């Protein structure tokens, strides 16, 4: 992603990701990035968004959409039951 961003000469703020917070979540990465990084911006103004996903074997998909005043819920973090149960043993 960083290489593509540099080749296209896009500023980092135009290429949001959530890998640092959630890791590689496969097909959920795009909606998770929208919810965790763009919700405030999308609640206020009309925006054009281009979403690009890249996968194994050079698979890819791109979507361009125009959104305005959408309501995006906050991310709710759930505890890992197995991890939480280990401290009880």
PDB file of N, CA and C in Angstrom:
ATOM      1  N   UNK A   1       0.822  -1.192   0.000  1.00  0.00           N
ATOM      2  CA  UNK A   1       0.000   0.000   0.000  1.00  0.00           C
ATOM      3  C   UNK A   1       0.866   1.257   0.000  1.00  0.00           C
ATOM      4  N   UNK A   2       1.946   1.226   0.777  1.00  0.00           N
ATOM      5  CA  UNK A   2       2.839   2.389   0.818  1.00  0.00           C
ATOM      6  C   UNK A   2       3.482   2.641  -0.542  1.00  0.00           C
ATOM      7  N   UNK A   3       3.866   1.573  -1.232  1.00  0.00           N
ATOM      8  CA  UNK A   3       4.471   1.713  -2.555  1.00  0.00           C
ATOM      9  C   UNK A   3       3.473   2.320  -3.542  1.00  0.00           C
ATOM     10  N   UNK A   4       2.257   1.827  -3.538  1.00  0.00           N
ATOM     11  CA  UNK A   4       1.226   2.359  -4.443  1.00  0.00           C
ATOM     12  C   UNK A   4       0.972   3.833  -4.134  1.00  0.00           C
ATOM     13  N   UNK A   5       0.894   4.169  -2.857  1.00  0.00           N
ATOM     14  CA  UNK A   5       0.680   5.559  -2.448  1.00  0.00           C
ATOM     15  C   UNK A   5       1.802   6.456  -2.963  1.00  0.00           C
ATOM     16  N   UNK A   6       3.059   5.983  -2.846  1.00  0.00           N
ATOM     17  CA  UNK A   6       4.198   6.783  -3.326  1.00  0.00           C
ATOM     18  C   UNK A   6       4.200   6.896  -4.848  1.00  0.00           C
ATOM     19  N   UNK A   7       3.926   5.804  -5.555  1.00  0.00           N
ATOM     20  CA  UNK A   7       3.922   5.823  -7.023  1.00  0.00           C
ATOM     21  C   UNK A   7       2.863   6.794  -7.537  1.00  0.00           C
ATOM     22  N   UNK A   8       1.689   6.790  -6.907  1.00  0.00           N
ATOM     23  CA  UNK A   8       0.602   7.681  -7.325  1.00  0.00           C
ATOM     24  C   UNK A   8       0.758   9.105  -6.779  1.00  0.00           C
ATOM     25  N   UNK A   9       1.802   9.300  -5.959  1.00  0.00           N
ATOM     26  CA  UNK A   9       2.094  10.617  -5.362  1.00  0.00           C
ATOM     27  C   UNK A   9       0.890  11.163  -4.588  1.00  0.00           C
ATOM     28  N   UNK A  10       0.285  10.273  -3.791  1.00  0.00           N
ATOM     29  CA  UNK A  10      -0.840  10.664  -2.952  1.00  0.00           C
ATOM     30  C   UNK A  10      -0.341  10.979  -1.545  1.00  0.00           C
ATOM     31  N   UNK A  11      -0.863  12.024  -0.926  1.00  0.00           N
ATOM     32  CA  UNK A  11      -0.476  12.282   0.466  1.00  0.00           C
ATOM     33  C   UNK A  11      -1.013  11.178   1.375  1.00  0.00           C
ATOM     34  N   UNK A  12      -0.289  10.898   2.461  1.00  0.00           N
ATOM     35  CA  UNK A  12      -0.680   9.803   3.360  1.00  0.00           C
ATOM     36  C   UNK A  12      -2.102   9.943   3.876  1.00  0.00           C
ATOM     37  N   UNK A  13      -2.564  11.172   4.118  1.00  0.00           N
ATOM     38  CA  UNK A  13      -3.917  11.357   4.640  1.00  0.00           C
ATOM     39  C   UNK A  13      -4.995  10.978   3.619  1.00  0.00           C
ATOM     40  N   UNK A  14      -4.628  10.816   2.354  1.00  0.00           N
ATOM     41  CA  UNK A  14      -5.581  10.386   1.323  1.00  0.00           C
ATOM     42  C   UNK A  14      -5.605   8.871   1.168  1.00  0.00           C
ATOM     43  N   UNK A  15      -4.755   8.172   1.924  1.00  0.00           N
ATOM     44  CA  UNK A  15      -4.671   6.710   1.836  1.00  0.00           C
ATOM     45  C   UNK A  15      -4.769   6.129   3.254  1.00  0.00           C
ATOM     46  N   UNK A  16      -5.954   6.221   3.865  1.00  0.00           N
ATOM     47  CA  UNK A  16      -6.074   5.706   5.237  1.00  0.00           C
ATOM     48  C   UNK A  16      -6.065   4.182   5.273  1.00  0.00           C
ATOM     49  N   UNK A  17      -5.516   3.659   6.343  1.00  0.00           N
ATOM     50  CA  UNK A  17      -5.538   2.215   6.594  1.00  0.00           C
ATOM     51  C   UNK A  17      -5.802   1.997   8.080  1.00  0.00           C
ATOM     52  N   UNK A  18      -6.116   0.775   8.441  1.00  0.00           N
ATOM     53  CA  UNK A  18      -6.296   0.443   9.862  1.00  0.00           C
ATOM     54  C   UNK A  18      -5.433  -0.762  10.240  1.00  0.00           C
ATOM     55  N   UNK A  19      -4.415  -1.052   9.438  1.00  0.00           N
ATOM     56  CA  UNK A  19      -3.557  -2.199   9.716  1.00  0.00           C
ATOM     57  C   UNK A  19      -2.865  -2.083  11.067  1.00  0.00           C
ATOM     58  N   UNK A  20      -2.489  -0.861  11.451  1.00  0.00           N
ATOM     59  CA  UNK A  20      -1.799  -0.676  12.724  1.00  0.00           C
ATOM     60  C   UNK A  20      -2.684  -1.001  13.918  1.00  0.00           C
ATOM     61  N   UNK A  21      -3.977  -0.840  13.765  1.00  0.00           N
ATOM     62  CA  UNK A  21      -4.902  -1.071  14.871  1.00  0.00           C
ATOM     63  C   UNK A  21      -5.506  -2.471  14.864  1.00  0.00           C
ATOM     64  N   UNK A  22      -5.844  -3.003  13.689  1.00  0.00           N
ATOM     65  CA  UNK A  22      -6.566  -4.275  13.600  1.00  0.00           C
ATOM     66  C   UNK A  22      -5.785  -5.387  12.903  1.00  0.00           C
ATOM     67  N   UNK A  23      -4.679  -5.075  12.259  1.00  0.00           N
ATOM     68  CA  UNK A  23      -3.967  -6.070  11.473  1.00  0.00           C
ATOM     69  C   UNK A  23      -4.657  -6.277  10.136  1.00  0.00           C
ATOM     70  N   UNK A  24      -4.262  -7.315   9.413  1.00  0.00           N
ATOM     71  CA  UNK A  24      -4.876  -7.617   8.119  1.00  0.00           C
ATOM     72  C   UNK A  24      -6.170  -8.372   8.362  1.00  0.00           C
ATOM     73  N   UNK A  25      -7.282  -7.711   8.121  1.00  0.00           N
ATOM     74  CA  UNK A  25      -8.589  -8.327   8.353  1.00  0.00           C
ATOM     75  C   UNK A  25      -9.232  -8.787   7.051  1.00  0.00           C
ATOM     76  N   UNK A  26      -8.420  -8.943   6.012  1.00  0.00           N
ATOM     77  CA  UNK A  26      -8.886  -9.445   4.719  1.00  0.00           C
ATOM     78  C   UNK A  26      -9.991  -8.561   4.155  1.00  0.00           C
ATOM     79  N   UNK A  27     -11.117  -9.139   3.786  1.00  0.00           N
ATOM     80  CA  UNK A  27     -12.168  -8.366   3.120  1.00  0.00           C
ATOM     81  C   UNK A  27     -12.842  -7.352   4.042  1.00  0.00           C
ATOM     82  N   UNK A  28     -12.639  -7.454   5.334  1.00  0.00           N
ATOM     83  CA  UNK A  28     -13.232  -6.488   6.271  1.00  0.00           C
ATOM     84  C   UNK A  28     -12.370  -5.237   6.425  1.00  0.00           C
ATOM     85  N   UNK A  29     -11.183  -5.213   5.834  1.00  0.00           N
ATOM     86  CA  UNK A  29     -10.275  -4.075   6.014  1.00  0.00           C
ATOM     87  C   UNK A  29     -10.863  -2.758   5.519  1.00  0.00           C
ATOM     88  N   UNK A  30     -11.539  -2.765   4.400  1.00  0.00           N
ATOM     89  CA  UNK A  30     -12.090  -1.513   3.850  1.00  0.00           C
ATOM     90  C   UNK A  30     -13.199  -0.969   4.737  1.00  0.00           C
ATOM     91  N   UNK A  31     -14.235  -1.748   5.085  1.00  0.00           N
ATOM     92  CA  UNK A  31     -15.248  -1.166   5.964  1.00  0.00           C
ATOM     93  C   UNK A  31     -14.706  -0.800   7.344  1.00  0.00           C
ATOM     94  N   UNK A  32     -13.746  -1.558   7.866  1.00  0.00           N
ATOM     95  CA  UNK A  32     -13.169  -1.218   9.164  1.00  0.00           C
ATOM     96  C   UNK A  32     -12.380   0.085   9.091  1.00  0.00           C
ATOM     97  N   UNK A  33     -11.717   0.329   7.980  1.00  0.00           N
ATOM     98  CA  UNK A  33     -11.001   1.588   7.805  1.00  0.00           C
ATOM     99  C   UNK A  33     -11.987   2.747   7.725  1.00  0.00           C
ATOM    100  N   UNK A  34     -13.066   2.569   6.996  1.00  0.00           N
ATOM    101  CA  UNK A  34     -14.081   3.620   6.895  1.00  0.00           C
ATOM    102  C   UNK A  34     -14.633   3.952   8.282  1.00  0.00           C
ATOM    103  N   UNK A  35     -14.976   2.928   9.054  1.00  0.00           N
ATOM    104  CA  UNK A  35     -15.559   3.147  10.379  1.00  0.00           C
ATOM    105  C   UNK A  35     -14.545   3.753  11.349  1.00  0.00           C
ATOM    106  N   UNK A  36     -13.324   3.240  11.364  1.00  0.00           N
ATOM    107  CA  UNK A  36     -12.359   3.677  12.373  1.00  0.00           C
ATOM    108  C   UNK A  36     -11.602   4.948  12.001  1.00  0.00           C
ATOM    109  N   UNK A  37     -11.461   5.257  10.723  1.00  0.00           N
ATOM    110  CA  UNK A  37     -10.635   6.401  10.329  1.00  0.00           C
ATOM    111  C   UNK A  37     -11.412   7.548   9.672  1.00  0.00           C
ATOM    112  N   UNK A  38     -12.578   7.254   9.091  1.00  0.00           N
ATOM    113  CA  UNK A  38     -13.248   8.278   8.289  1.00  0.00           C
ATOM    114  C   UNK A  38     -14.618   8.697   8.797  1.00  0.00           C
ATOM    115  N   UNK A  39     -15.094   8.118   9.883  1.00  0.00           N
ATOM    116  CA  UNK A  39     -16.476   8.360  10.287  1.00  0.00           C
ATOM    117  C   UNK A  39     -16.782   9.835  10.527  1.00  0.00           C
ATOM    118  N   UNK A  40     -15.920  10.558  11.199  1.00  0.00           N
ATOM    119  CA  UNK A  40     -16.194  11.983  11.464  1.00  0.00           C
ATOM    120  C   UNK A  40     -16.248  12.797  10.172  1.00  0.00           C
ATOM    121  N   UNK A  41     -15.335  12.531   9.257  1.00  0.00           N
ATOM    122  CA  UNK A  41     -15.318  13.266   7.989  1.00  0.00           C
ATOM    123  C   UNK A  41     -16.563  12.972   7.155  1.00  0.00           C
ATOM    124  N   UNK A  42     -17.036  11.720   7.190  1.00  0.00           N
ATOM    125  CA  UNK A  42     -18.183  11.335   6.375  1.00  0.00           C
ATOM    126  C   UNK A  42     -19.501  11.792   6.973  1.00  0.00           C
ATOM    127  N   UNK A  43     -19.530  12.045   8.265  1.00  0.00           N
ATOM    128  CA  UNK A  43     -20.755  12.530   8.905  1.00  0.00           C
ATOM    129  C   UNK A  43     -21.027  13.987   8.572  1.00  0.00           C
ATOM    130  N   UNK A  44     -20.010  14.721   8.140  1.00  0.00           N
ATOM    131  CA  UNK A  44     -20.152  16.154   7.949  1.00  0.00           C
ATOM    132  C   UNK A  44     -20.421  16.585   6.518  1.00  0.00           C
ATOM    133  N   UNK A  45     -19.711  16.054   5.568  1.00  0.00           N
ATOM    134  CA  UNK A  45     -19.730  16.586   4.208  1.00  0.00           C
ATOM    135  C   UNK A  45     -19.951  15.506   3.162  1.00  0.00           C
ATOM    136  N   UNK A  46     -20.275  15.960   1.964  1.00  0.00           N
ATOM    137  CA  UNK A  46     -20.341  15.055   0.819  1.00  0.00           C
ATOM    138  C   UNK A  46     -18.906  14.736   0.403  1.00  0.00           C
ATOM    139  N   UNK A  47     -18.611  13.469   0.199  1.00  0.00           N
ATOM    140  CA  UNK A  47     -17.261  13.037  -0.147  1.00  0.00           C
ATOM    141  C   UNK A  47     -17.298  12.020  -1.274  1.00  0.00           C
ATOM    142  N   UNK A  48     -16.273  12.062  -2.090  1.00  0.00           N
ATOM    143  CA  UNK A  48     -16.006  10.998  -3.052  1.00  0.00           C
ATOM    144  C   UNK A  48     -14.975  10.081  -2.425  1.00  0.00           C
ATOM    145  N   UNK A  49     -15.256   8.800  -2.411  1.00  0.00           N
ATOM    146  CA  UNK A  49     -14.345   7.827  -1.821  1.00  0.00           C
ATOM    147  C   UNK A  49     -14.021   6.778  -2.877  1.00  0.00           C
ATOM    148  N   UNK A  50     -12.753   6.459  -3.003  1.00  0.00           N
ATOM    149  CA  UNK A  50     -12.328   5.353  -3.847  1.00  0.00           C
ATOM    150  C   UNK A  50     -11.754   4.288  -2.931  1.00  0.00           C
ATOM    151  N   UNK A  51     -12.317   3.093  -2.971  1.00  0.00           N
ATOM    152  CA  UNK A  51     -11.867   1.973  -2.156  1.00  0.00           C
ATOM    153  C   UNK A  51     -11.182   0.960  -3.066  1.00  0.00           C
ATOM    154  N   UNK A  52      -9.981   0.585  -2.687  1.00  0.00           N
ATOM    155  CA  UNK A  52      -9.219  -0.395  -3.476  1.00  0.00           C
ATOM    156  C   UNK A  52      -8.798  -1.536  -2.568  1.00  0.00           C
ATOM    157  N   UNK A  53      -9.098  -2.743  -2.973  1.00  0.00           N
ATOM    158  CA  UNK A  53      -8.687  -3.921  -2.229  1.00  0.00           C
ATOM    159  C   UNK A  53      -7.766  -4.781  -3.077  1.00  0.00           C
ATOM    160  N   UNK A  54      -6.738  -5.310  -2.429  1.00  0.00           N
ATOM    161  CA  UNK A  54      -5.751  -6.143  -3.122  1.00  0.00           C
ATOM    162  C   UNK A  54      -5.636  -7.456  -2.387  1.00  0.00           C
ATOM    163  N   UNK A  55      -5.538  -8.541  -3.133  1.00  0.00           N
ATOM    164  CA  UNK A  55      -5.482  -9.845  -2.493  1.00  0.00           C
ATOM    165  C   UNK A  55      -4.423 -10.745  -3.093  1.00  0.00           C
ATOM    166  N   UNK A  56      -4.522 -12.001  -2.729  1.00  0.00           N
ATOM    167  CA  UNK A  56      -3.569 -13.014  -3.170  1.00  0.00           C
ATOM    168  C   UNK A  56      -3.744 -13.266  -4.665  1.00  0.00           C
ATOM    169  N   UNK A  57      -2.670 -13.569  -5.347  1.00  0.00           N
ATOM    170  CA  UNK A  57      -2.737 -13.911  -6.766  1.00  0.00           C
ATOM    171  C   UNK A  57      -3.087 -12.733  -7.651  1.00  0.00           C
ATOM    172  N   UNK A  58      -2.708 -11.556  -7.240  1.00  0.00           N
ATOM    173  CA  UNK A  58      -2.955 -10.321  -7.993  1.00  0.00           C
ATOM    174  C   UNK A  58      -4.434 -10.025  -8.173  1.00  0.00           C
ATOM    175  N   UNK A  59      -5.264 -10.527  -7.263  1.00  0.00           N
ATOM    176  CA  UNK A  59      -6.685 -10.175  -7.323  1.00  0.00           C
ATOM    177  C   UNK A  59      -6.855  -8.771  -6.763  1.00  0.00           C
ATOM    178  N   UNK A  60      -7.829  -8.053  -7.289  1.00  0.00           N
ATOM    179  CA  UNK A  60      -8.056  -6.690  -6.822  1.00  0.00           C
ATOM    180  C   UNK A  60      -9.476  -6.262  -7.159  1.00  0.00           C
ATOM    181  N   UNK A  61      -9.930  -5.249  -6.483  1.00  0.00           N
ATOM    182  CA  UNK A  61     -11.242  -4.664  -6.766  1.00  0.00           C
ATOM    183  C   UNK A  61     -11.177  -3.189  -6.394  1.00  0.00           C
ATOM    184  N   UNK A  62     -11.911  -2.366  -7.129  1.00  0.00           N
ATOM    185  CA  UNK A  62     -11.948  -0.937  -6.870  1.00  0.00           C
ATOM    186  C   UNK A  62     -13.382  -0.455  -6.964  1.00  0.00           C
ATOM    187  N   UNK A  63     -13.739   0.439  -6.060  1.00  0.00           N
ATOM    188  CA  UNK A  63     -15.079   1.017  -6.016  1.00  0.00           C
ATOM    189  C   UNK A  63     -14.941   2.513  -5.791  1.00  0.00           C
ATOM    190  N   UNK A  64     -15.631   3.309  -6.563  1.00  0.00           N
ATOM    191  CA  UNK A  64     -15.692   4.745  -6.328  1.00  0.00           C
ATOM    192  C   UNK A  64     -17.136   5.068  -5.968  1.00  0.00           C
ATOM    193  N   UNK A  65     -17.316   5.780  -4.846  1.00  0.00           N
ATOM    194  CA  UNK A  65     -18.676   6.112  -4.418  1.00  0.00           C
ATOM    195  C   UNK A  65     -18.717   7.526  -3.861  1.00  0.00           C
ATOM    196  N   UNK A  66     -19.879   8.125  -3.954  1.00  0.00           N
ATOM    197  CA  UNK A  66     -20.096   9.448  -3.393  1.00  0.00           C
ATOM    198  C   UNK A  66     -21.059   9.290  -2.226  1.00  0.00           C
ATOM    199  N   UNK A  67     -20.648   9.786  -1.064  1.00  0.00           N
ATOM    200  CA  UNK A  67     -21.470   9.666   0.135  1.00  0.00           C
ATOM    201  C   UNK A  67     -21.673  11.047   0.746  1.00  0.00           C
ATOM    202  N   UNK A  68     -22.773  11.201   1.478  1.00  0.00           N
ATOM    203  CA  UNK A  68     -23.003  12.458   2.181  1.00  0.00           C
ATOM    204  C   UNK A  68     -23.815  12.215   3.439  1.00  0.00           C
ATOM    205  N   UNK A  69     -23.387  12.847   4.503  1.00  0.00           N
ATOM    206  CA  UNK A  69     -24.099  12.814   5.783  1.00  0.00           C
ATOM    207  C   UNK A  69     -24.513  11.410   6.210  1.00  0.00           C
ATOM    208  N   UNK A  70     -23.618  10.462   6.101  1.00  0.00           N
ATOM    209  CA  UNK A  70     -23.954   9.108   6.538  1.00  0.00           C
ATOM    210  C   UNK A  70     -23.624   8.965   8.023  1.00  0.00           C
ATOM    211  N   UNK A  71     -24.374   8.161   8.700  1.00  0.00           N
ATOM    212  CA  UNK A  71     -24.163   7.898  10.122  1.00  0.00           C
ATOM    213  C   UNK A  71     -23.419   6.578  10.253  1.00  0.00           C
ATOM    214  N   UNK A  72     -22.264   6.638  10.875  1.00  0.00           N
ATOM    215  CA  UNK A  72     -21.421   5.452  11.020  1.00  0.00           C
ATOM    216  C   UNK A  72     -21.293   5.141  12.509  1.00  0.00           C
ATOM    217  N   UNK A  73     -21.648   3.926  12.928  1.00  0.00           N
ATOM    218  CA  UNK A  73     -21.530   3.581  14.351  1.00  0.00           C
ATOM    219  C   UNK A  73     -20.068   3.461  14.769  1.00  0.00           C
ATOM    220  N   UNK A  74     -19.824   3.621  16.049  1.00  0.00           N
ATOM    221  CA  UNK A  74     -18.466   3.453  16.579  1.00  0.00           C
ATOM    222  C   UNK A  74     -18.108   1.976  16.604  1.00  0.00           C
ATOM    223  N   UNK A  75     -16.809   1.693  16.548  1.00  0.00           N
ATOM    224  CA  UNK A  75     -16.317   0.325  16.651  1.00  0.00           C
ATOM    225  C   UNK A  75     -16.479  -0.124  18.100  1.00  0.00           C
ATOM    226  N   UNK A  76     -17.028  -1.308  18.285  1.00  0.00           N
ATOM    227  CA  UNK A  76     -17.175  -1.879  19.620  1.00  0.00           C
ATOM    228  C   UNK A  76     -16.180  -3.023  19.738  1.00  0.00           C
ATOM    229  N   UNK A  77     -15.289  -2.924  20.697  1.00  0.00           N
ATOM    230  CA  UNK A  77     -14.287  -3.959  20.910  1.00  0.00           C
ATOM    231  C   UNK A  77     -14.832  -5.006  21.867  1.00  0.00           C
ATOM    232  N   UNK A  78     -14.745  -6.264  21.471  1.00  0.00           N
ATOM    233  CA  UNK A  78     -15.221  -7.369  22.293  1.00  0.00           C
ATOM    234  C   UNK A  78     -14.015  -8.064  22.909  1.00  0.00           C
ATOM    235  N   UNK A  79     -14.134  -8.502  24.119  1.00  0.00           N
ATOM    236  CA  UNK A  79     -13.063  -9.229  24.784  1.00  0.00           C
ATOM    237  C   UNK A  79     -12.948 -10.623  24.194  1.00  0.00           C
ATOM    238  N   UNK A  80     -11.751 -11.127  24.169  1.00  0.00           N
ATOM    239  CA  UNK A  80     -11.501 -12.488  23.715  1.00  0.00           C
ATOM    240  C   UNK A  80     -11.782 -13.423  24.884  1.00  0.00           C
ATOM    241  N   UNK A  81     -12.849 -14.237  24.788  1.00  0.00           N
ATOM    242  CA  UNK A  81     -13.263 -15.090  25.901  1.00  0.00           C
ATOM    243  C   UNK A  81     -12.156 -16.026  26.354  1.00  0.00           C
ATOM    244  N   UNK A  82     -11.474 -16.687  25.407  1.00  0.00           N
ATOM    245  CA  UNK A  82     -10.413 -17.634  25.769  1.00  0.00           C
ATOM    246  C   UNK A  82      -9.324 -16.913  26.545  1.00  0.00           C
ATOM    247  N   UNK A  83      -8.914 -15.752  26.057  1.00  0.00           N
ATOM    248  CA  UNK A  83      -7.869 -14.978  26.718  1.00  0.00           C
ATOM    249  C   UNK A  83      -8.338 -14.535  28.103  1.00  0.00           C
ATOM    250  N   UNK A  84      -9.599 -14.094  28.209  1.00  0.00           N
ATOM    251  CA  UNK A  84     -10.134 -13.640  29.495  1.00  0.00           C
ATOM    252  C   UNK A  84     -10.278 -14.789  30.484  1.00  0.00           C
ATOM    253  N   UNK A  85     -10.554 -15.998  29.997  1.00  0.00           N
ATOM    254  CA  UNK A  85     -10.732 -17.145  30.889  1.00  0.00           C
ATOM    255  C   UNK A  85      -9.398 -17.657  31.437  1.00  0.00           C
ATOM    256  N   UNK A  86      -8.281 -17.399  30.721  1.00  0.00           N
ATOM    257  CA  UNK A  86      -6.976 -17.895  31.162  1.00  0.00           C
ATOM    258  C   UNK A  86      -6.580 -17.346  32.529  1.00  0.00           C
ATOM    259  N   UNK A  87      -6.954 -16.122  32.829  1.00  0.00           N
ATOM    260  CA  UNK A  87      -6.558 -15.556  34.113  1.00  0.00           C
ATOM    261  C   UNK A  87      -7.337 -16.163  35.280  1.00  0.00           C
ATOM    262  N   UNK A  88      -8.417 -16.888  35.002  1.00  0.00           N
ATOM    263  CA  UNK A  88      -9.194 -17.535  36.053  1.00  0.00           C
ATOM    264  C   UNK A  88      -8.644 -18.895  36.425  1.00  0.00           C
ATOM    265  N   UNK A  89      -7.830 -19.490  35.540  1.00  0.00           N
ATOM    266  CA  UNK A  89      -7.317 -20.856  35.769  1.00  0.00           C
ATOM    267  C   UNK A  89      -6.234 -20.883  36.841  1.00  0.00           C
TER     268      UNK A  89
END
